[in-house]
C-alpha cells in the first residue's frame, strides 16, 4: 500500500511538516473568547463541577471534555503553555484525521489535506473550537456518502459502525451541522438501509459512554438544545430578512463578487470546479443542498477570523466536493485548476509566508490575562467567589475560586433565561455579592461595595469587595507588586 502510493504519503508528510511550522508560529496568536470559554469550563470540570448542572453553557459537551483531558494530560503551569498545548492538540487531532482521510480516499484525501491544511488558519482552524473538531468527521462521513451514492460503494460493517461514531462526534460537538447531518442520513437511509442499524450502533456506543459518567442527559437537553433553540439562536442569528436567507442559498456564488479576499478566490476556484463537473454530470447538482445546509452562520465568502470561523466545516466540505468533482472530469481539464490553484498558493498572504513573533503574540493576547489571573490566585481564599463580567474566561483558570453563579461567561441572550437571570440577581443584588469581580459592567455595585486594584497607579478592571480588600496581607501586596499592582 505504501509503496504503491508513496508519492501521496510524501506530499502528505511535506504538507503536515509545513503546517506544523505554521501552527507553532501561530500557537499564541488570536485571543478568542470561545476557545478560552472551553478551556475555563474544562478546568472546573476537572475540579469536580458537573457540566450543564453546576456550570452553564449552551455549547455541546465534547469540546469541554476534550479540553479537560488535555489539561489533565499536559499539566500546563501557566497560560502560555495552556494555550500552546491546546493548539498543539488541535494539530495532532487534525494530523490523525488527515492520515485517516488520505488512507481511506487516496488522491481525493490528498487534495483535501493540501488545500484545507493551509486555508483553515483564516477560519481559526488551529484553535480549540467546535468547528475545528467537527470538520474532519463531517468530511469523512461525506466522503463515504459520495462513494455510496455515486460509485455504488458497499459499506462494510466495521466502517458503518465507525461512521456512527463520526455522527456522534458531530452531534455532540456542534449543533449548526445537525440539519446537514440529517440530510446525509436521509440519503444513507435510502441507499444503504441495511447498514443504518450498524451506524446506529456506533452512535449508540458514543451516547452510552458520554452519559454513563454522571453526565445528565436532562441537563444536556435543557442547556444545549432547549436554551439554544429558544434563546441563543434567535438572538445570535445573522438572518434578519429575506435577503440574508437568499445569501445563504447563493453563498458560493457570492465569492465571484467578493473583492480583495484570497479566501473568496479559493472558494471561487472550488465552486467553478464543482460547476464544471456538474455541467458534465448533472447528478452532482444534487450535492448543492448539502453545501447550503453546511453553512447557516456566515453570509460573506470573504469573512475570516472572528467573524468567519463558523464557516470552517463548510470550507472542508466544499474542498472535498471540489476534489470529488475532479474525479468526474477528464485529466486534461485538471491543468486549469492546478495552475489557478498554484497561483493562489504563491500569494504572499498565505500563512506559510507570514512571520510571527510568538513571544510578542503572547504579550499582546494573554499577558494581561495572566497578570489578573496571578493576582486573583494570590489574594483569594478557597471560599471566595469570582465573577468575570467581561469576556475573559481564562481569568478563572486554576484560581481555585468558586464561580459566583452558574455562568462563567455572561452573554447578552442569557439574561432571557429565567433561572439564570434569577440566579444572577440573587448573587449580585443580594446581601452577599461575590468577593472578587473582573469587569466594570455593574457600575453602581462597584462604586458602593468594591475597590479596584490599582495597576501602574491606575484603576484596573479587577475589583475586590471592600471587606476582603482590607484582608490583603503585606506579603500578598509584595507578590502583587511583581505584576505592577499597587495600593
Protein backbone atom coordinates (compact mmCIF):
# COMPACT_ATOMS: atom_id res chain seq x y z
CA UNK A 1 0.00 0.00 0.00
CA UNK A 2 2.73 2.49 1.00
CA UNK A 3 4.95 1.56 -1.99
CA UNK A 4 2.05 1.91 -4.41
CA UNK A 5 1.04 5.33 -3.12
CA UNK A 6 4.46 6.55 -1.97
CA UNK A 7 4.07 9.92 -3.68
CA UNK A 8 0.82 10.58 -1.79
CA UNK A 9 2.50 9.94 1.53
CA UNK A 10 5.47 12.10 0.52
CA UNK A 11 3.13 15.00 -0.25
CA UNK A 12 1.21 14.32 2.95
CA UNK A 13 4.39 14.39 5.02
CA UNK A 14 5.62 17.64 3.45
CA UNK A 15 2.25 19.35 3.93
CA UNK A 16 2.00 18.33 7.57
CA UNK A 17 5.59 19.39 8.29
CA UNK A 18 4.94 22.84 6.83
CA UNK A 19 1.64 23.03 8.70
CA UNK A 20 3.40 22.12 11.96
CA UNK A 21 5.75 25.05 11.44
CA UNK A 22 2.80 27.37 10.78
CA UNK A 23 0.83 26.05 13.75
CA UNK A 24 3.77 26.53 16.10
CA UNK A 25 4.40 30.07 14.92
CA UNK A 26 0.70 30.88 15.44
CA UNK A 27 0.29 28.90 18.66
CA UNK A 28 -0.25 32.08 20.69
CA UNK A 29 -1.95 34.20 18.04
CA UNK A 30 -5.65 35.08 18.11
CA UNK A 31 -7.05 35.61 21.61
CA UNK A 32 -10.62 34.30 21.32
CA UNK A 33 -13.34 34.02 23.96
CA UNK A 34 -14.87 30.82 22.56
CA UNK A 35 -11.64 28.85 22.88
CA UNK A 36 -10.97 30.25 26.33
CA UNK A 37 -14.55 29.54 27.39
CA UNK A 38 -13.97 25.85 26.54
CA UNK A 39 -10.71 25.78 28.49
CA UNK A 40 -12.04 27.56 31.59
CA UNK A 41 -15.11 25.32 31.81
CA UNK A 42 -12.89 22.25 31.42
CA UNK A 43 -10.77 23.38 34.36
CA UNK A 44 -13.87 23.44 36.57
CA UNK A 45 -14.89 20.01 35.24
CA UNK A 46 -11.52 18.71 36.43
CA UNK A 47 -12.30 20.21 39.84
CA UNK A 48 -15.50 18.15 40.06
CA UNK A 49 -18.11 20.59 38.75
CA UNK A 50 -20.86 19.00 36.64
CA UNK A 51 -21.21 20.47 33.16
CA UNK A 52 -24.70 21.89 32.43
CA UNK A 53 -25.65 21.40 36.07
CA UNK A 54 -23.16 23.25 38.30
CA UNK A 55 -21.84 25.38 35.44
CA UNK A 56 -23.90 26.54 32.45
CA UNK A 57 -23.14 26.85 28.76
CA UNK A 58 -25.04 26.29 25.53
CA UNK A 59 -22.20 24.54 23.71
CA UNK A 60 -22.11 20.78 23.20
CA UNK A 61 -20.12 18.73 25.74
CA UNK A 62 -17.31 17.04 23.79
CA UNK A 63 -15.34 20.27 23.36
CA UNK A 64 -15.23 20.66 27.17
CA UNK A 65 -14.45 17.05 27.99
CA UNK A 66 -11.70 17.08 25.37
CA UNK A 67 -10.08 20.14 26.94
CA UNK A 68 -10.40 18.58 30.40
CA UNK A 69 -8.46 15.55 29.14
CA UNK A 70 -5.77 17.76 27.58
CA UNK A 71 -5.34 19.70 30.81
CA UNK A 72 -5.04 16.52 32.88
CA UNK A 73 -2.51 15.02 30.49
CA UNK A 74 -0.32 18.09 29.93
CA UNK A 75 -0.49 19.75 33.37
CA UNK A 76 0.30 23.22 31.99
CA UNK A 77 1.79 25.51 34.63
CA UNK A 78 0.84 28.82 33.06
CA UNK A 79 -1.44 30.32 30.44
CA UNK A 80 1.39 30.46 27.89
CA UNK A 81 1.74 26.66 27.95
CA UNK A 82 -2.00 26.10 28.42
CA UNK A 83 -2.88 27.77 25.12
CA UNK A 84 0.10 26.30 23.30
CA UNK A 85 -0.75 22.75 24.42
CA UNK A 86 -4.33 23.12 23.18
CA UNK A 87 -3.16 24.43 19.81
CA UNK A 88 -0.71 21.52 19.57
CA UNK A 89 -3.51 19.10 20.45
CA UNK A 90 -5.55 20.58 17.58
CA UNK A 91 -2.64 19.94 15.23
CA UNK A 92 -2.29 16.30 16.36
CA UNK A 93 -6.07 15.81 16.09
CA UNK A 94 -6.02 17.16 12.54
CA UNK A 95 -2.94 15.09 11.68
CA UNK A 96 -4.61 11.83 12.75
CA UNK A 97 -7.83 12.61 10.89
CA UNK A 98 -5.91 13.71 7.80
CA UNK A 99 -3.94 10.47 7.92
CA UNK A 100 -7.19 8.51 8.02
CA UNK A 101 -8.76 10.56 5.20
CA UNK A 102 -5.73 10.07 2.92
CA UNK A 103 -5.60 6.34 3.71
CA UNK A 104 -9.32 5.97 3.01
CA UNK A 105 -9.78 8.25 -0.02
CA UNK A 106 -6.30 8.22 -1.61
CA UNK A 107 -5.98 11.02 -4.23
CA UNK A 108 -9.13 12.73 -3.03
CA UNK A 109 -7.78 12.70 0.51
CA UNK A 110 -4.52 14.31 -0.61
CA UNK A 111 -6.40 17.07 -2.44
CA UNK A 112 -8.39 17.76 0.71
CA UNK A 113 -5.36 17.82 3.01
CA UNK A 114 -3.24 20.04 0.75
CA UNK A 115 -5.99 22.64 0.39
CA UNK A 116 -7.64 22.54 3.79
CA UNK A 117 -4.47 22.41 5.86
CA UNK A 118 -3.34 25.84 4.69
CA UNK A 119 -6.71 27.57 4.34
CA UNK A 120 -8.00 26.62 7.80
CA UNK A 121 -5.91 29.28 9.56
CA UNK A 122 -8.07 32.12 8.20
CA UNK A 123 -11.04 30.48 9.95
CA UNK A 124 -9.22 29.81 13.25
CA UNK A 125 -8.83 26.15 12.35
CA UNK A 126 -5.86 25.87 14.71
CA UNK A 127 -7.88 26.89 17.80
CA UNK A 128 -9.74 24.62 20.24
CA UNK A 129 -13.17 25.29 18.74
CA UNK A 130 -16.24 23.19 17.98
CA UNK A 131 -15.89 23.84 14.26
CA UNK A 132 -12.28 22.60 14.34
CA UNK A 133 -13.25 19.29 15.93
CA UNK A 134 -16.33 18.73 13.76
CA UNK A 135 -14.94 19.36 10.28
CA UNK A 136 -12.90 16.15 9.99
CA UNK A 137 -15.60 13.60 10.93
CA UNK A 138 -18.02 15.57 8.73
CA UNK A 139 -15.67 15.25 5.75
CA UNK A 140 -15.15 11.55 6.45
CA UNK A 141 -18.89 10.87 6.56
CA UNK A 142 -19.46 12.96 3.43
CA UNK A 143 -16.74 11.13 1.53
CA UNK A 144 -18.36 7.79 2.29
CA UNK A 145 -21.76 9.15 1.31
CA UNK A 146 -20.44 10.32 -2.06
CA UNK A 147 -18.91 6.92 -2.81
CA UNK A 148 -22.09 5.10 -1.79
CA UNK A 149 -24.25 7.47 -3.82
CA UNK A 150 -22.19 7.98 -6.97
CA UNK A 151 -19.96 4.90 -7.11
CA UNK A 152 -22.21 2.23 -5.54
CA UNK A 153 -19.62 1.62 -2.83
CA UNK A 154 -20.69 -1.10 -0.40
CA UNK A 155 -20.12 -0.19 3.23
CA UNK A 156 -18.59 -2.85 5.44
CA UNK A 157 -19.95 -3.39 8.94
CA UNK A 158 -16.86 -2.02 10.71
CA UNK A 159 -16.90 1.15 8.60
CA UNK A 160 -20.63 1.61 9.14
CA UNK A 161 -20.09 1.44 12.91
CA UNK A 162 -17.26 3.96 12.63
CA UNK A 163 -19.49 6.30 10.61
CA UNK A 164 -21.95 6.14 13.50
CA UNK A 165 -19.14 7.20 15.82
CA UNK A 166 -18.38 10.10 13.45
CA UNK A 167 -22.05 11.12 13.62
CA UNK A 168 -21.81 11.02 17.42
CA UNK A 169 -18.78 13.33 17.32
CA UNK A 170 -20.66 15.84 15.17
CA UNK A 171 -23.93 15.71 17.14
CA UNK A 172 -22.26 16.29 20.50
CA UNK A 173 -19.79 18.86 19.22
CA UNK A 174 -21.75 21.37 17.13
CA UNK A 175 -25.48 22.00 16.72
CA UNK A 176 -25.45 24.02 13.44
CA UNK A 177 -24.34 20.93 11.48
CA UNK A 178 -27.38 18.92 12.58
CA UNK A 179 -29.55 19.88 9.54
CA UNK A 180 -26.70 18.90 7.21
CA UNK A 181 -26.22 15.61 9.06
CA UNK A 182 -29.96 14.87 8.87
CA UNK A 183 -29.85 15.21 5.07
CA UNK A 184 -26.76 12.99 4.93
CA UNK A 185 -28.56 10.26 6.83
CA UNK A 186 -31.68 10.60 4.74
CA UNK A 187 -29.56 9.62 1.73
CA UNK A 188 -27.83 6.86 3.69
CA UNK A 189 -31.26 5.53 4.65
CA UNK A 190 -32.31 5.42 1.01
CA UNK A 191 -29.06 3.98 -0.34
CA UNK A 192 -27.82 1.66 2.42
CA UNK A 193 -30.84 0.84 4.54
CA UNK A 194 -29.32 -2.37 5.87
CA UNK A 195 -26.25 -0.54 7.17
CA UNK A 196 -28.18 2.16 9.03
CA UNK A 197 -28.57 -0.12 12.04
CA UNK A 198 -24.82 -0.60 12.24
CA UNK A 199 -24.30 3.15 12.02
CA UNK A 200 -26.90 3.50 14.76
CA UNK A 201 -24.85 1.10 16.87
CA UNK A 202 -21.78 3.32 16.53
CA UNK A 203 -23.86 6.34 17.52
CA UNK A 204 -25.36 4.45 20.47
CA UNK A 205 -21.94 3.38 21.74
CA UNK A 206 -20.84 7.01 21.85
CA UNK A 207 -24.02 8.14 23.61
CA UNK A 208 -23.77 5.39 26.25
CA UNK A 209 -20.16 6.30 27.02
CA UNK A 210 -20.98 10.02 27.20
CA UNK A 211 -23.90 9.73 29.61
CA UNK A 212 -22.57 6.86 31.71
CA UNK A 213 -20.16 9.09 33.62
CA UNK A 214 -22.59 11.05 35.81
CA UNK A 215 -23.42 13.47 32.98
CA UNK A 216 -27.15 14.14 32.88
CA UNK A 217 -28.99 13.89 29.52
CA UNK A 218 -31.74 16.09 31.01
CA UNK A 219 -29.27 18.86 31.85
CA UNK A 220 -27.66 18.43 28.42
CA UNK A 221 -31.00 18.83 26.66
CA UNK A 222 -32.06 21.85 28.70
CA UNK A 223 -28.80 23.78 28.39
CA UNK A 224 -27.56 22.88 24.91
CA UNK A 225 -30.77 22.16 23.00
CA UNK A 226 -33.72 23.99 24.57
CA UNK A 227 -31.79 27.13 25.51
CA UNK A 228 -30.18 27.19 22.07
CA UNK A 229 -33.46 26.86 20.18
CA UNK A 230 -35.47 29.24 22.36
CA UNK A 231 -32.92 31.89 23.34
CA UNK A 232 -29.45 31.73 21.75
CA UNK A 233 -30.24 31.04 18.09
CA UNK A 234 -32.92 33.77 17.76
CA UNK A 235 -30.58 36.26 19.44
CA UNK A 236 -27.43 35.36 17.51
CA UNK A 237 -28.86 34.50 14.09
CA UNK A 238 -27.32 36.57 11.27
CA UNK A 239 -30.54 36.29 9.25
CA UNK A 240 -32.51 39.50 9.62
CA UNK A 241 -34.60 39.33 6.45
CA UNK A 242 -35.26 37.56 3.12
CA UNK A 243 -32.06 38.93 1.56
CA UNK A 244 -29.95 37.19 4.19
CA UNK A 245 -31.66 33.88 3.52
CA UNK A 246 -31.01 34.37 -0.19
CA UNK A 247 -27.33 34.97 0.59
CA UNK A 248 -27.22 31.67 2.44
CA UNK A 249 -28.71 29.80 -0.50
CA UNK A 250 -26.47 31.52 -3.07
CA UNK A 251 -23.43 31.65 -0.78
CA UNK A 252 -20.72 30.18 -3.08
CA UNK A 253 -21.89 32.34 -6.00
CA UNK A 254 -21.14 35.41 -3.88
CA UNK A 255 -17.44 34.53 -3.99
CA UNK A 256 -17.36 35.69 -7.62
CA UNK A 257 -18.33 39.20 -6.49
CA UNK A 258 -16.24 39.41 -3.30
CA UNK A 259 -13.24 41.66 -3.87
CA UNK A 260 -9.90 41.77 -2.05
CA UNK A 261 -10.31 38.37 -0.42
CA UNK A 262 -7.91 35.50 -1.06
CA UNK A 263 -10.31 33.14 0.70
CA UNK A 264 -13.10 34.14 -1.70
CA UNK A 265 -10.76 33.49 -4.63
CA UNK A 266 -10.12 29.96 -3.39
CA UNK A 267 -13.85 29.41 -2.92
CA UNK A 268 -14.40 30.60 -6.50
CA UNK A 269 -11.84 28.04 -7.67
CA UNK A 270 -13.54 25.21 -5.78
CA UNK A 271 -17.03 26.18 -6.84
CA UNK A 272 -16.17 26.61 -10.51
CA UNK A 273 -14.56 23.18 -10.46
CA UNK A 274 -17.75 21.77 -8.98
CA UNK A 275 -19.97 23.58 -11.52
CA UNK A 276 -17.79 22.46 -14.41
CA UNK A 277 -18.09 18.83 -13.32
CA UNK A 278 -21.83 19.27 -12.70
CA UNK A 279 -22.20 20.51 -16.28
CA UNK A 280 -20.76 17.16 -17.39
CA UNK A 281 -22.63 15.12 -14.77
CA UNK A 282 -25.92 16.74 -13.73
CA UNK A 283 -26.29 14.37 -10.80
CA UNK A 284 -23.66 16.44 -8.98
CA UNK A 285 -26.19 19.27 -8.70
CA UNK A 286 -27.87 17.16 -6.03
CA UNK A 287 -24.92 17.99 -3.77
CA UNK A 288 -25.76 21.69 -3.68
CA UNK A 289 -28.35 21.38 -0.85
CA UNK A 290 -25.63 19.80 1.28
CA UNK A 291 -23.46 22.87 0.76
CA UNK A 292 -26.36 25.14 1.65
CA UNK A 293 -27.10 23.31 4.90
CA UNK A 294 -23.44 23.15 5.92
CA UNK A 295 -23.30 26.94 6.33
CA UNK A 296 -26.03 28.68 8.29
CA UNK A 297 -23.92 31.24 10.13
CA UNK A 298 -21.78 33.26 7.66
CA UNK A 299 -23.14 35.49 4.88
CA UNK A 300 -19.99 36.52 3.00
CA UNK A 301 -17.31 34.24 1.48
CA UNK A 302 -14.69 36.83 2.35
CA UNK A 303 -15.37 36.75 6.08
CA UNK A 304 -12.43 35.44 8.12
CA UNK A 305 -11.15 35.04 11.68
CA UNK A 306 -13.55 36.02 14.50
CA UNK A 307 -16.49 36.71 12.19
CA UNK A 308 -15.83 33.82 9.81
CA UNK A 309 -14.76 30.83 11.91
CA UNK A 310 -18.24 29.26 11.72
CA UNK A 311 -17.53 28.68 8.03
CA UNK A 312 -14.79 26.11 8.70
CA UNK A 313 -16.90 22.90 8.31
CA UNK A 314 -18.43 24.29 5.12
CA UNK A 315 -14.97 25.04 3.73
CA UNK A 316 -13.82 21.48 4.42
CA UNK A 317 -16.91 20.05 2.72
CA UNK A 318 -16.57 22.44 -0.23
CA UNK A 319 -12.96 21.37 -0.73
CA UNK A 320 -13.93 17.71 -0.61
CA UNK A 321 -16.77 18.33 -3.08
CA UNK A 322 -14.28 20.05 -5.39
CA UNK A 323 -11.90 17.10 -5.16
CA UNK A 324 -14.69 14.61 -5.83
CA UNK A 325 -15.81 16.68 -8.81
CA UNK A 326 -12.33 16.47 -10.33
CA UNK A 327 -12.67 12.69 -10.37
CA UNK A 328 -15.58 13.05 -12.78
CA UNK A 329 -13.88 15.23 -15.40
CA UNK A 330 -11.08 14.46 -17.86
CA UNK A 331 -7.50 14.85 -16.68
CA UNK A 332 -6.73 17.44 -19.39
CA UNK A 333 -9.02 19.89 -17.58
CA UNK A 334 -7.17 19.41 -14.31
CA UNK A 335 -4.34 21.61 -15.60
CA UNK A 336 -6.62 24.67 -15.48
CA UNK A 337 -7.39 24.19 -11.81
CA UNK A 338 -3.81 23.17 -11.00
CA UNK A 339 -2.38 26.38 -12.47
CA UNK A 340 -5.12 28.53 -10.91
CA UNK A 341 -4.58 26.96 -7.50
CA UNK A 342 -0.80 27.23 -7.85
CA UNK A 343 -1.02 30.97 -8.48
CA UNK A 344 -3.20 31.42 -5.40
CA UNK A 345 -0.81 29.33 -3.29
CA UNK A 346 2.03 31.68 -4.22
CA UNK A 347 0.19 34.69 -2.79
CA UNK A 348 2.24 36.34 -0.07
CA UNK A 349 -0.78 36.32 2.27
CA UNK A 350 -0.70 32.52 2.57
CA UNK A 351 0.07 31.53 6.18
CA UNK A 352 3.39 29.79 5.42
CA UNK A 353 4.83 33.07 4.10
CA UNK A 354 3.95 35.08 7.21
CA UNK A 355 6.44 35.55 10.04
CA UNK A 356 5.11 35.66 13.59
CA UNK A 357 6.88 36.62 16.82
CA UNK A 358 5.41 34.11 19.29
CA UNK A 359 6.60 35.99 22.38
CA UNK A 360 5.09 39.23 21.12
CA UNK A 361 1.83 37.46 20.27
CA UNK A 362 1.66 36.10 23.81
CA UNK A 363 2.33 39.54 25.28
CA UNK A 364 -0.40 41.18 23.19
CA UNK A 365 -3.02 38.47 23.61
CA UNK A 366 -2.50 36.89 27.01
CA UNK A 367 -0.07 38.73 29.30
CA UNK A 368 -2.72 40.97 30.91
CA UNK A 369 -4.99 37.97 31.48
CA UNK A 370 -2.13 36.08 33.11
CA UNK A 371 -1.40 39.06 35.38
CA UNK A 372 -5.04 39.26 36.51
CA UNK A 373 -5.09 35.50 37.00
CA UNK A 374 -1.91 35.75 39.08
CA UNK A 375 -3.41 38.49 41.25
CA UNK A 376 -6.57 36.50 41.99
CA UNK A 377 -4.58 33.38 42.85
CA UNK A 378 -2.55 35.38 45.36
CA UNK A 379 -5.33 37.23 47.18
CA UNK A 380 -8.20 34.74 47.10
CA UNK A 381 -9.34 32.26 49.72
CA UNK A 382 -10.84 28.84 48.88
CA UNK A 383 -14.28 30.14 49.89
CA UNK A 384 -14.11 33.24 47.66
CA UNK A 385 -16.38 33.57 44.64
CA UNK A 386 -15.21 35.06 41.36
CA UNK A 387 -17.32 36.62 38.60
CA UNK A 388 -15.75 37.59 35.26
CA UNK A 389 -18.22 40.01 33.67
CA UNK A 390 -16.04 40.83 30.67
CA UNK A 391 -15.39 38.14 28.06
CA UNK A 392 -12.12 36.94 29.57
CA UNK A 393 -12.91 33.46 30.96
CA UNK A 394 -9.25 32.42 31.21
CA UNK A 395 -9.06 34.62 34.29
CA UNK A 396 -10.87 31.81 36.13
CA UNK A 397 -8.24 29.24 35.24
CA UNK A 398 -6.78 27.47 38.27
CA UNK A 399 -7.60 30.31 40.66
CA UNK A 400 -9.43 27.69 42.81
CA UNK A 401 -12.16 30.26 43.45
CA UNK A 402 -15.78 29.24 43.15
CA UNK A 403 -17.79 30.68 40.24
CA UNK A 404 -20.19 33.30 41.60
CA UNK A 405 -23.09 31.94 39.52
CA UNK A 406 -23.64 29.00 37.20
CA UNK A 407 -22.40 31.24 34.39
CA UNK A 408 -18.70 31.70 33.72
CA UNK A 409 -19.31 33.94 30.72
CA UNK A 410 -22.21 36.40 30.70
CA UNK A 411 -23.63 36.64 27.18
CA UNK A 412 -26.48 39.04 26.44
CA UNK A 413 -29.03 36.38 25.47
CA UNK A 414 -28.55 34.53 28.77
CA UNK A 415 -30.41 37.23 30.70
CA UNK A 416 -33.59 36.00 28.96
CA UNK A 417 -33.28 32.58 30.65
CA UNK A 418 -35.36 32.83 33.82
CA UNK A 419 -33.29 30.67 36.18
CA UNK A 420 -30.03 32.29 35.03
CA UNK A 421 -31.45 35.79 35.45
CA UNK A 422 -32.83 34.99 38.93
CA UNK A 423 -29.53 33.42 39.98
CA UNK A 424 -27.61 36.48 38.77
CA UNK A 425 -29.89 38.94 40.55
CA UNK A 426 -29.79 36.96 43.78
CA UNK A 427 -25.99 36.84 43.80
CA UNK A 428 -25.18 40.37 42.65
CA UNK A 429 -28.03 42.32 44.22
CA UNK A 430 -28.37 40.31 47.43
CA UNK A 431 -26.66 40.81 50.76
CA UNK A 432 -23.55 38.81 49.90
CA UNK A 433 -22.19 39.70 46.43
CA UNK A 434 -19.06 37.97 45.06
CA UNK A 435 -15.78 38.67 46.81
CA UNK A 436 -13.93 39.28 43.52
CA UNK A 437 -15.22 40.63 40.21
CA UNK A 438 -13.40 41.25 36.94
CA UNK A 439 -15.09 43.73 34.60
CA UNK A 440 -16.83 47.04 35.13
CA UNK A 441 -20.39 46.36 33.96
CA UNK A 442 -22.06 46.69 37.37
CA UNK A 443 -21.07 50.33 37.86
CA UNK A 444 -23.30 51.15 40.87
CA UNK A 445 -22.41 47.95 42.69
CA UNK A 446 -18.69 48.55 42.14
CA UNK A 447 -18.88 52.09 43.44
CA UNK A 448 -20.78 51.05 46.55
CA UNK A 449 -19.13 47.83 47.67
CA UNK A 450 -15.84 47.29 45.80
CA UNK A 451 -12.35 48.71 45.45
CA UNK A 452 -10.42 48.47 42.19
CA UNK A 453 -6.92 47.06 42.44
CA UNK A 454 -4.57 49.76 41.17
CA UNK A 455 -2.15 48.83 38.41
CA UNK A 456 0.50 51.28 37.27
CA UNK A 457 -1.27 53.75 39.59
CA UNK A 458 -4.46 53.46 37.55
CA UNK A 459 -7.71 51.62 38.38
CA UNK A 460 -7.85 48.16 36.82
CA UNK A 461 -10.91 46.07 35.97
CA UNK A 462 -10.18 43.77 38.91
CA UNK A 463 -12.45 44.63 41.84
CA UNK A 464 -12.30 43.26 45.37
CA UNK A 465 -15.15 43.62 47.85
CA UNK A 466 -14.20 46.21 50.47
CA UNK A 467 -14.14 43.82 53.42
CA UNK A 468 -11.89 41.39 51.52
CA UNK A 469 -9.67 44.20 50.26
CA UNK A 470 -8.82 45.07 53.86
CA UNK A 471 -7.69 41.47 54.43
CA UNK A 472 -4.96 41.55 51.77
CA UNK A 473 -1.71 40.94 53.66
CA UNK A 474 1.63 42.75 53.20
CA UNK A 475 3.08 39.52 51.77
CA UNK A 476 0.29 39.40 49.20
CA UNK A 477 0.88 43.02 48.25
CA UNK A 478 4.57 42.24 47.75
CA UNK A 479 3.62 39.46 45.34
CA UNK A 480 1.15 41.73 43.54
CA UNK A 481 3.81 44.38 43.04
CA UNK A 482 5.75 41.96 40.82
CA UNK A 483 2.88 42.36 38.33
CA UNK A 484 2.72 46.16 38.71
CA UNK A 485 -0.25 46.23 41.11
CA UNK A 486 -0.04 48.84 43.86
CA UNK A 487 -2.10 50.41 46.66
